[in-house]
Protein backbone atom coordinates (compact mmCIF):
# COMPACT_ATOMS: atom_id res chain seq x y z
CA MET A 1 -14.32 -30.17 8.46
CA SER A 2 -11.34 -29.60 10.70
CA VAL A 3 -8.61 -27.05 10.05
CA SER A 4 -5.38 -26.29 11.93
CA LEU A 5 -2.42 -24.07 11.23
CA ILE A 6 1.38 -24.15 11.86
CA ALA A 7 3.00 -20.82 11.16
CA MET A 8 6.77 -21.05 11.21
CA SER A 9 9.93 -19.36 10.15
CA HIS A 10 12.37 -21.06 7.76
CA SER A 11 16.02 -20.46 7.19
CA PRO A 12 18.34 -21.41 4.40
CA LEU A 13 21.03 -21.71 7.07
CA LEU A 14 19.26 -24.36 9.13
CA GLY A 15 21.60 -27.25 9.34
CA ILE A 16 24.49 -25.07 8.04
CA ASN A 17 25.13 -22.45 10.64
CA ASP A 18 24.58 -23.93 14.12
CA PRO A 19 22.95 -21.59 16.75
CA GLN A 20 24.21 -21.52 20.27
CA PRO A 21 23.66 -24.85 22.09
CA GLU A 22 20.67 -23.64 24.28
CA VAL A 23 18.95 -22.07 21.30
CA ASP A 24 19.57 -25.17 19.12
CA ALA A 25 18.16 -27.35 21.77
CA ALA A 26 15.05 -25.24 22.29
CA LEU A 27 14.50 -25.05 18.42
CA ASN A 28 14.56 -28.81 18.18
CA VAL A 29 12.17 -29.21 20.96
CA ALA A 30 9.84 -26.74 19.09
CA PHE A 31 10.20 -28.85 15.85
CA ASP A 32 9.53 -32.02 17.77
CA GLU A 33 6.32 -30.51 19.36
CA ALA A 34 5.19 -29.21 15.93
CA ARG A 35 5.79 -32.73 14.43
CA LYS A 36 3.70 -34.17 17.29
CA LYS A 37 0.84 -31.79 16.64
CA VAL A 38 0.88 -32.64 13.01
CA ALA A 39 0.83 -36.40 13.60
CA GLU A 40 -1.99 -36.11 16.11
CA PHE A 41 -4.05 -34.03 13.60
CA ASN A 42 -3.23 -36.43 10.75
CA PRO A 43 -4.17 -34.09 7.87
CA ASP A 44 -5.70 -35.31 4.70
CA LEU A 45 -4.72 -32.28 2.78
CA VAL A 46 -1.97 -29.61 3.38
CA ILE A 47 -2.09 -26.06 2.07
CA VAL A 48 1.29 -24.32 2.45
CA PHE A 49 1.55 -20.51 2.09
CA THR A 50 5.14 -19.95 0.94
CA PRO A 51 7.26 -17.09 -0.19
CA ASP A 52 9.93 -17.30 -2.81
CA HIS A 53 13.45 -15.86 -3.00
CA PHE A 54 13.88 -15.31 -6.69
CA ASN A 55 14.04 -18.94 -7.41
CA GLY A 56 10.63 -19.67 -8.80
CA PHE A 57 9.25 -16.21 -9.41
CA PHE A 58 11.13 -13.31 -11.14
CA TYR A 59 10.41 -9.75 -12.27
CA ASP A 60 9.73 -10.90 -15.95
CA LEU A 61 6.18 -11.69 -14.51
CA LEU A 62 5.74 -11.41 -10.88
CA PRO A 63 2.21 -12.00 -9.24
CA GLN A 64 1.36 -10.95 -5.69
CA TYR A 65 -0.04 -14.53 -5.04
CA CYS A 66 -0.39 -17.76 -6.97
CA ILE A 67 -1.88 -21.19 -6.49
CA GLY A 68 0.04 -24.11 -7.78
CA TYR A 69 -1.82 -26.75 -9.73
CA THR A 70 1.42 -28.64 -9.97
CA ALA A 71 4.65 -27.89 -8.26
CA GLU A 72 8.26 -28.95 -7.88
CA SER A 73 10.95 -28.18 -5.30
CA MET A 74 14.24 -26.84 -6.77
CA GLY A 75 16.25 -28.37 -3.87
CA ASP A 76 18.21 -25.28 -2.54
CA TYR A 77 19.99 -25.11 0.80
CA LYS A 78 19.86 -28.82 1.76
CA THR A 79 16.12 -29.28 0.77
CA THR A 80 15.08 -32.05 -1.46
CA ALA A 81 14.40 -31.57 -5.20
CA GLY A 82 11.39 -33.17 -6.66
CA PRO A 83 7.65 -33.00 -7.19
CA LEU A 84 5.04 -32.22 -4.66
CA ASN A 85 1.91 -34.44 -4.44
CA VAL A 86 -0.47 -31.74 -5.55
CA PRO A 87 -4.13 -32.89 -5.93
CA VAL A 88 -4.75 -31.10 -9.30
CA GLU A 89 -8.48 -31.07 -9.17
CA LEU A 90 -8.69 -29.71 -5.61
CA ALA A 91 -6.15 -27.07 -6.43
CA GLU A 92 -8.21 -26.07 -9.61
CA GLU A 93 -11.31 -25.87 -7.37
CA LEU A 94 -9.62 -23.60 -4.83
CA GLY A 95 -8.25 -21.41 -7.49
CA GLN A 96 -11.69 -20.94 -9.09
CA PHE A 97 -13.29 -20.41 -5.65
CA VAL A 98 -10.88 -17.58 -4.78
CA ILE A 99 -11.29 -15.88 -8.22
CA ASP A 100 -15.10 -16.25 -8.18
CA HIS A 101 -15.23 -14.58 -4.74
CA GLY A 102 -13.20 -11.38 -5.74
CA VAL A 103 -9.46 -11.99 -5.38
CA ASP A 104 -7.75 -12.38 -8.82
CA VAL A 105 -5.17 -14.96 -7.76
CA ALA A 106 -2.75 -16.21 -10.38
CA ILE A 107 -2.29 -20.00 -11.04
CA SER A 108 0.68 -22.06 -12.17
CA ARG A 109 0.75 -25.56 -13.73
CA GLU A 110 4.68 -25.55 -13.27
CA MET A 111 5.21 -23.91 -10.02
CA VAL A 112 8.79 -23.98 -8.62
CA ILE A 113 9.23 -23.71 -4.88
CA ASP A 114 12.42 -23.19 -3.01
CA HIS A 115 13.50 -23.82 0.67
CA GLY A 116 10.65 -21.40 1.83
CA GLY A 117 8.07 -24.08 0.90
CA ALA A 118 10.17 -27.22 0.90
CA GLN A 119 11.74 -26.88 4.34
CA PRO A 120 8.54 -26.88 6.52
CA LEU A 121 7.11 -29.79 4.44
CA GLU A 122 10.28 -31.82 5.19
CA ILE A 123 10.46 -30.84 8.85
CA LEU A 124 6.77 -31.35 9.62
CA LEU A 125 5.81 -34.14 7.32
CA GLY A 126 8.98 -35.97 6.64
CA GLY A 127 9.03 -35.20 2.87
CA LEU A 128 7.64 -33.31 -0.04
CA ASP A 129 5.05 -35.81 -1.18
CA THR A 130 4.00 -37.67 2.00
CA LYS A 131 0.63 -35.72 1.94
CA PRO A 132 -1.51 -34.05 -0.72
CA VAL A 133 -0.20 -30.41 -0.78
CA ILE A 134 -1.55 -27.34 -2.39
CA PRO A 135 1.11 -24.62 -2.49
CA ILE A 136 0.16 -20.91 -2.46
CA PHE A 137 2.88 -18.44 -3.26
CA VAL A 138 2.56 -15.16 -1.40
CA ASN A 139 5.01 -12.46 -2.59
CA GLY A 140 7.13 -11.47 0.50
CA VAL A 141 10.49 -10.29 -1.29
CA ALA A 142 9.88 -8.20 -4.29
CA ARG A 143 8.28 -4.76 -4.43
CA PRO A 144 5.77 -3.61 -5.10
CA PHE A 145 3.84 -5.27 -2.28
CA ALA A 146 0.00 -5.50 -2.14
CA PRO A 147 -1.59 -3.86 0.82
CA MET A 148 -1.80 -6.30 3.80
CA GLU A 149 -5.58 -6.03 3.51
CA ARG A 150 -5.40 -8.01 0.26
CA ILE A 151 -3.32 -10.70 1.74
CA ARG A 152 -5.88 -10.98 4.58
CA GLN A 153 -8.65 -11.23 1.96
CA LEU A 154 -6.88 -14.00 0.06
CA GLY A 155 -6.43 -15.92 3.31
CA GLU A 156 -10.06 -15.52 4.23
CA LEU A 157 -11.25 -16.99 0.94
CA VAL A 158 -8.81 -19.97 1.36
CA GLY A 159 -10.35 -20.47 4.84
CA GLU A 160 -13.89 -20.07 3.52
CA TRP A 161 -13.07 -22.81 0.89
CA ALA A 162 -11.47 -25.06 3.56
CA GLN A 163 -14.64 -24.49 5.80
CA GLY A 164 -16.76 -26.25 3.22
CA ARG A 165 -14.53 -29.40 2.93
CA ASP A 166 -14.85 -32.71 4.68
CA GLU A 167 -11.08 -33.29 4.93
CA ARG A 168 -8.70 -32.54 7.82
CA ILE A 169 -6.76 -29.63 6.39
CA LEU A 170 -3.43 -28.49 7.77
CA MET A 171 -2.33 -24.94 6.81
CA ILE A 172 1.36 -24.19 6.94
CA ALA A 173 2.47 -20.55 6.80
CA SER A 174 6.25 -20.37 6.11
CA GLY A 175 8.09 -17.12 6.46
CA GLY A 176 10.83 -15.37 8.57
CA LEU A 177 10.02 -12.71 11.04
CA SER A 178 12.45 -9.66 11.30
CA HIS A 179 15.42 -10.19 8.98
CA ASP A 180 17.36 -8.44 6.44
CA PRO A 181 19.60 -10.91 4.52
CA PRO A 182 21.87 -9.97 1.63
CA LEU A 183 19.24 -10.35 -1.11
CA PRO A 184 19.51 -7.73 -3.88
CA ARG A 185 16.71 -5.11 -4.28
CA TRP A 186 15.76 -3.67 -7.73
CA GLU A 187 16.00 -0.08 -6.54
CA ILE A 188 19.64 -0.40 -5.62
CA ALA A 189 20.72 -3.46 -7.76
CA THR A 190 23.58 -3.44 -10.16
CA GLU A 191 22.91 -4.35 -13.86
CA GLN A 192 24.15 -7.90 -13.23
CA GLN A 193 21.88 -8.20 -10.23
CA LYS A 194 18.88 -6.84 -12.12
CA ASP A 195 19.49 -9.50 -14.74
CA PHE A 196 19.31 -12.11 -11.94
CA LEU A 197 16.12 -10.62 -10.52
CA LEU A 198 14.53 -10.82 -13.95
CA HIS A 199 15.76 -14.30 -15.18
CA GLY A 200 17.22 -16.19 -12.16
CA HIS A 201 20.62 -18.01 -12.05
CA PRO A 202 22.26 -18.73 -15.40
CA ASP A 203 24.11 -21.80 -14.06
CA GLN A 204 24.82 -23.87 -10.91
CA ALA A 205 28.02 -22.07 -10.12
CA ASP A 206 26.22 -18.75 -9.83
CA ARG A 207 23.63 -20.27 -7.62
CA ASP A 208 26.38 -21.84 -5.37
CA ALA A 209 28.04 -18.43 -5.02
CA ARG A 210 24.85 -16.78 -3.95
CA GLU A 211 24.28 -19.53 -1.33
CA ALA A 212 27.77 -19.12 -0.11
CA ARG A 213 27.24 -15.36 0.50
CA VAL A 214 24.18 -16.11 2.65
CA VAL A 215 26.04 -18.62 4.60
CA SER A 216 28.91 -16.17 5.20
CA ALA A 217 26.42 -13.44 6.38
CA GLY A 218 25.15 -15.83 8.96
CA GLN A 219 28.56 -16.78 10.23
CA LYS A 220 29.67 -13.10 10.45
CA ALA A 221 26.59 -12.28 12.42
CA THR A 222 27.82 -14.10 15.56
CA THR A 223 31.09 -11.88 15.74
CA ALA A 224 30.28 -8.63 14.13
CA THR A 225 27.77 -5.89 14.64
CA GLY A 226 25.65 -4.18 12.11
CA ILE A 227 25.35 -7.27 9.93
CA ILE A 228 21.63 -8.05 10.49
CA ASP A 229 18.59 -6.37 11.85
CA ILE A 230 16.63 -8.69 14.13
CA ASN A 231 14.02 -6.91 16.11
CA PRO A 232 12.46 -9.23 18.76
CA GLU A 233 10.16 -6.61 20.10
CA TRP A 234 8.55 -6.38 16.56
CA ASP A 235 8.51 -10.11 16.21
CA ARG A 236 6.74 -10.71 19.43
CA LYS A 237 4.12 -7.81 18.71
CA PHE A 238 3.41 -9.43 15.37
CA MET A 239 2.97 -12.87 16.92
CA ALA A 240 0.66 -11.37 19.47
CA ASP A 241 -1.39 -9.89 16.64
CA CYS A 242 -1.58 -13.41 15.04
CA THR A 243 -3.08 -14.62 18.37
CA ALA A 244 -5.46 -11.62 18.45
CA ALA A 245 -6.65 -12.38 14.85
CA ALA A 246 -8.91 -15.00 16.36
CA GLN A 247 -11.14 -12.02 17.29
CA ASP A 248 -10.15 -9.44 14.59
CA THR A 249 -8.11 -10.23 11.41
CA THR A 250 -8.16 -6.46 10.39
CA LEU A 251 -5.39 -5.99 12.91
CA PHE A 252 -3.05 -7.00 10.06
CA ASP A 253 -4.25 -4.18 7.82
CA SER A 254 -2.02 -1.57 9.63
CA TYR A 255 1.18 -3.22 8.57
CA THR A 256 2.68 -1.24 5.75
CA ALA A 257 5.65 -2.11 3.61
CA ASP A 258 7.68 0.95 4.32
CA GLN A 259 7.33 0.81 8.04
CA MET A 260 8.10 -3.01 8.00
CA ASP A 261 11.39 -2.23 6.15
CA GLU A 262 12.38 0.24 8.81
CA ASP A 263 11.33 -1.79 11.77
CA ALA A 264 11.99 -5.38 10.80
CA GLY A 265 14.19 -5.41 7.83
CA HIS A 266 13.56 -5.86 3.91
CA SER A 267 12.63 -9.50 4.25
CA SER A 268 10.08 -9.19 7.16
CA HIS A 269 7.45 -9.03 4.35
CA GLU A 270 7.55 -12.88 4.39
CA VAL A 271 5.13 -12.59 7.37
CA ARG A 272 2.49 -12.06 4.64
CA THR A 273 2.33 -15.95 4.62
CA TRP A 274 1.44 -15.79 8.33
CA VAL A 275 -1.21 -13.10 7.61
CA ALA A 276 -2.81 -15.37 4.95
CA GLY A 277 -2.55 -18.50 7.22
CA PHE A 278 -4.10 -16.88 10.25
CA SER A 279 -6.83 -15.10 8.27
CA ALA A 280 -7.70 -18.39 6.66
CA LEU A 281 -7.87 -20.14 10.07
CA ALA A 282 -10.03 -17.41 11.48
CA LYS A 283 -12.45 -17.65 8.64
CA ALA A 284 -12.49 -21.51 8.79
CA ASN A 285 -12.64 -21.93 12.53
CA GLY A 286 -13.89 -18.72 13.99
CA ASN A 287 -12.43 -18.06 17.40
CA PHE A 288 -9.35 -20.25 17.09
CA GLN A 289 -6.79 -20.92 19.86
CA VAL A 290 -3.07 -20.96 19.84
CA ASP A 291 -1.88 -24.21 21.54
CA TYR A 292 1.92 -23.78 21.15
CA GLU A 293 4.25 -20.97 20.63
CA PHE A 294 8.03 -20.69 20.26
CA TYR A 295 10.32 -17.67 19.49
CA ARG A 296 14.03 -16.93 19.49
CA PRO A 297 16.22 -14.31 17.72
CA ILE A 298 18.85 -16.40 15.95
CA PRO A 299 21.73 -14.34 14.53
CA GLU A 300 23.23 -17.40 12.94
CA PHE A 301 20.05 -17.74 10.81
CA VAL A 302 20.02 -13.92 10.20
CA ALA A 303 16.43 -13.86 11.45
CA GLY A 304 14.03 -13.85 14.25
CA PHE A 305 12.64 -17.41 14.30
CA GLY A 306 9.09 -18.25 15.46
CA LEU A 307 6.59 -21.04 15.37
CA MET A 308 2.91 -21.12 16.28
CA TYR A 309 0.36 -23.92 16.26
CA ALA A 310 -3.33 -22.94 16.34
CA LYS A 311 -6.61 -24.70 15.67
C-alpha cells in the first residue's frame, strides 16, 4: 500500500484571465513540480475529492458528500467533456466500506463533475481517463454545510479503505482557498436564480452568460477594489493546519461555516475537499510529510491559490 496526496486550488479563470507575469511563471513551476511528483509516484488508482458549482448537484436533492460509481465531465471553462475511467467495482466497495463504518455517504451512477474535478485531472494526469479515477463530491458551495468533523470522518474512512489496498493510490483534493466569486446564494437569490439553483441551466446560452459574468469579475479585480475577498493570512493558516494534521486531524473541527464566510468568503468552504484529503492521508499513512508547497493570492482568479503535495 502506498498513498500520496495533492491538494490544489482550481479556477474557472485558469487559461482565461492571465495573472501577473511573475505569478504566472511561479504557478507554472508549481504545476510542473506537481506533475513530476505524480509521474514519479505513478498511481494505479486516483481518488479525487471535488466540489461542484451548481453544475452536477442542485437543491432539488443535495447531499453533503457522494461517491461516483460512474462519472462524466460536463466540460465547462475550457475543461474537456467526457467520461472518467471509474473502476465501478472498486467505487462500489469504497461506498459500502464508508457506509458500513458509520458515514452515510450518497452514491451516484450518473455523477456529473465540472471544472472543480476535471481541471486537476487534466493538469496533473493529462486527461480525464488516463488513470482509473473514483470521484468523491464534497459540498463546498451550498448551505447547509455539515460540521467539519463529519468531513474529517469521511476522509478518515476513505483513508482506512485505501490503507488496506495493494495499489498505489493518489488522492487529489481540489478546492479554492479564500474566495468569494459571483455565485448566487439561496438566502439572497432572486426567483430566477433560485430556479437555477434548483434545476441548473436551461440552455447553453444561459450557461455561457454565467461564465461571462465570472470572467468579468476576475478582469475587474485587477483594477477595482472591493470586488473580491482574498485573505492570504487565513489561507496560510489553513495550509499550516493541513501540515499539522499529520499529528492531529481534529484541528479541522474548529472551522465553522459562519466564521469561514466572514474571514475567507462564501466559497472558502471548498477547502472541505482538503480536509477530507488530508484526513484520509493521515489515516492511511500516519505521520505524513509535506514535500512541496505553493501559495499565491491571485486576484485574476478571484481566489487564493494553493498547492500541497504530501505522502
